[in-house]
Amino acid sequence: MGAKISGVGTHILSIEGSKELHSTNHQIIPDQIEAGTFALAMAATSGFGIINDFIVNHHDILLKKMQEANINFKSSLINLSRLNKLQILSLLRLELIFIPVFN
């Protein structure tokens, strides 16, 4: 974009402007908590559907717990599909602790 940015990954981020900036493209990743909530809502209601832009490697622990609870799903790199509608789920305890991570 043209600006000089330093301090990425530290407590102080410095941005030095320039005479001219240029455009860029940037894609924001989907909210992990929201995507995981939708996945568990489908399971809890014995529903089925597809969650698009579900980044599977961001949800490895959640998907492991879903497998432990016998929740049948199919995942690709960016989608999660719930396969079967009716099934008895195992008990599952999940606790969410939000820890901000800045890279």
Protein backbone atom coordinates (compact mmCIF):
# COMPACT_ATOMS: atom_id res chain seq x y z
CA MET A 1 0.00 0.00 0.00
CA GLY A 2 3.01 2.29 0.28
CA ALA A 3 3.12 3.09 4.01
CA LYS A 4 6.01 1.89 6.15
CA ILE A 5 4.69 -0.29 8.98
CA SER A 6 6.89 -1.55 11.80
CA GLY A 7 6.30 -3.29 15.09
CA VAL A 8 3.99 -6.01 13.76
CA GLY A 9 3.59 -8.62 16.52
CA THR A 10 4.65 -6.23 19.27
CA HIS A 11 2.77 -3.92 21.62
CA ILE A 12 3.61 -0.84 19.52
CA LEU A 13 2.64 -0.53 15.88
CA SER A 14 4.17 2.38 13.98
CA ILE A 15 2.83 3.54 10.62
CA GLU A 16 4.78 6.06 8.60
CA GLY A 17 2.80 7.53 5.74
CA SER A 18 4.13 8.26 2.28
CA LYS A 19 3.31 10.74 -0.45
CA GLU A 20 1.38 8.18 -2.41
CA LEU A 21 -0.50 5.04 -1.40
CA HIS A 22 -1.70 2.34 -3.75
CA SER A 23 -4.65 -0.02 -3.46
CA THR A 24 -4.51 -3.60 -2.27
CA ASN A 25 -6.84 -6.55 -1.77
CA HIS A 26 -7.34 -8.13 1.61
CA GLN A 27 -9.69 -10.87 2.74
CA ILE A 28 -10.84 -11.15 6.35
CA ILE A 29 -11.20 -14.67 7.72
CA PRO A 30 -14.63 -15.76 9.00
CA ASP A 31 -15.31 -15.38 12.72
CA GLN A 32 -14.25 -18.68 14.30
CA ILE A 33 -16.62 -18.48 17.26
CA GLU A 34 -19.61 -17.73 15.05
CA ALA A 35 -18.78 -20.53 12.59
CA GLY A 36 -18.30 -23.02 15.43
CA THR A 37 -21.58 -21.93 17.00
CA PHE A 38 -23.45 -22.56 13.74
CA ALA A 39 -21.82 -26.02 13.48
CA LEU A 40 -22.89 -26.95 17.00
CA ALA A 41 -26.38 -25.49 16.46
CA MET A 42 -26.86 -27.78 13.46
CA ALA A 43 -25.77 -30.74 15.57
CA ALA A 44 -27.85 -29.79 18.63
CA THR A 45 -31.02 -29.44 16.59
CA SER A 46 -30.34 -32.58 14.51
CA GLY A 47 -30.37 -30.25 11.53
CA PHE A 48 -28.35 -30.46 8.40
CA GLY A 49 -26.83 -27.87 6.15
CA ILE A 50 -23.64 -26.41 4.79
CA ILE A 51 -21.45 -23.76 6.38
CA ASN A 52 -19.52 -22.03 3.63
CA ASP A 53 -16.13 -20.43 4.26
CA PHE A 54 -15.65 -22.71 7.29
CA ILE A 55 -11.86 -22.93 7.57
CA VAL A 56 -11.43 -26.47 8.83
CA ASN A 57 -7.89 -26.11 10.19
CA HIS A 58 -9.10 -23.24 12.41
CA HIS A 59 -11.56 -25.61 14.11
CA ASP A 60 -9.52 -28.78 14.61
CA ILE A 61 -10.34 -29.11 18.33
CA LEU A 62 -14.05 -28.45 17.77
CA LEU A 63 -14.21 -31.01 14.95
CA LYS A 64 -12.41 -33.58 17.11
CA LYS A 65 -14.98 -33.05 19.88
CA MET A 66 -17.80 -33.34 17.35
CA GLN A 67 -16.36 -36.69 16.23
CA GLU A 68 -16.14 -37.83 19.86
CA ALA A 69 -19.84 -36.97 20.23
CA ASN A 70 -20.69 -39.08 17.15
CA ILE A 71 -21.72 -36.04 15.14
CA ASN A 72 -21.54 -37.09 11.53
CA PHE A 73 -20.17 -34.38 9.25
CA LYS A 74 -18.20 -33.99 6.07
CA SER A 75 -15.61 -31.28 5.73
CA SER A 76 -13.59 -29.86 2.91
CA LEU A 77 -10.96 -27.18 3.17
CA ILE A 78 -13.53 -24.36 3.43
CA ASN A 79 -16.92 -25.99 4.00
CA LEU A 80 -18.60 -28.07 6.68
CA SER A 81 -21.65 -30.19 5.91
CA ARG A 82 -23.87 -31.99 8.38
CA LEU A 83 -24.78 -35.31 6.80
CA ASN A 84 -27.53 -37.00 8.76
CA LYS A 85 -30.59 -35.43 10.28
CA LEU A 86 -31.70 -37.85 12.99
CA GLN A 87 -29.28 -39.29 15.48
CA ILE A 88 -28.77 -39.50 19.22
CA LEU A 89 -25.77 -37.45 20.25
CA SER A 90 -23.32 -38.30 23.00
CA LEU A 91 -22.90 -35.85 25.84
CA LEU A 92 -20.38 -33.19 24.98
CA ARG A 93 -18.86 -30.53 27.21
CA LEU A 94 -17.15 -27.59 25.55
CA GLU A 95 -15.75 -24.52 27.21
CA LEU A 96 -14.72 -21.51 25.17
CA ILE A 97 -11.91 -19.34 26.45
CA PHE A 98 -11.17 -16.39 24.20
CA ILE A 99 -7.49 -15.59 24.02
CA PRO A 100 -6.59 -12.82 21.59
CA VAL A 101 -3.68 -13.65 19.35
CA PHE A 102 -2.00 -11.03 17.21
CA ASN A 103 0.44 -12.12 14.53
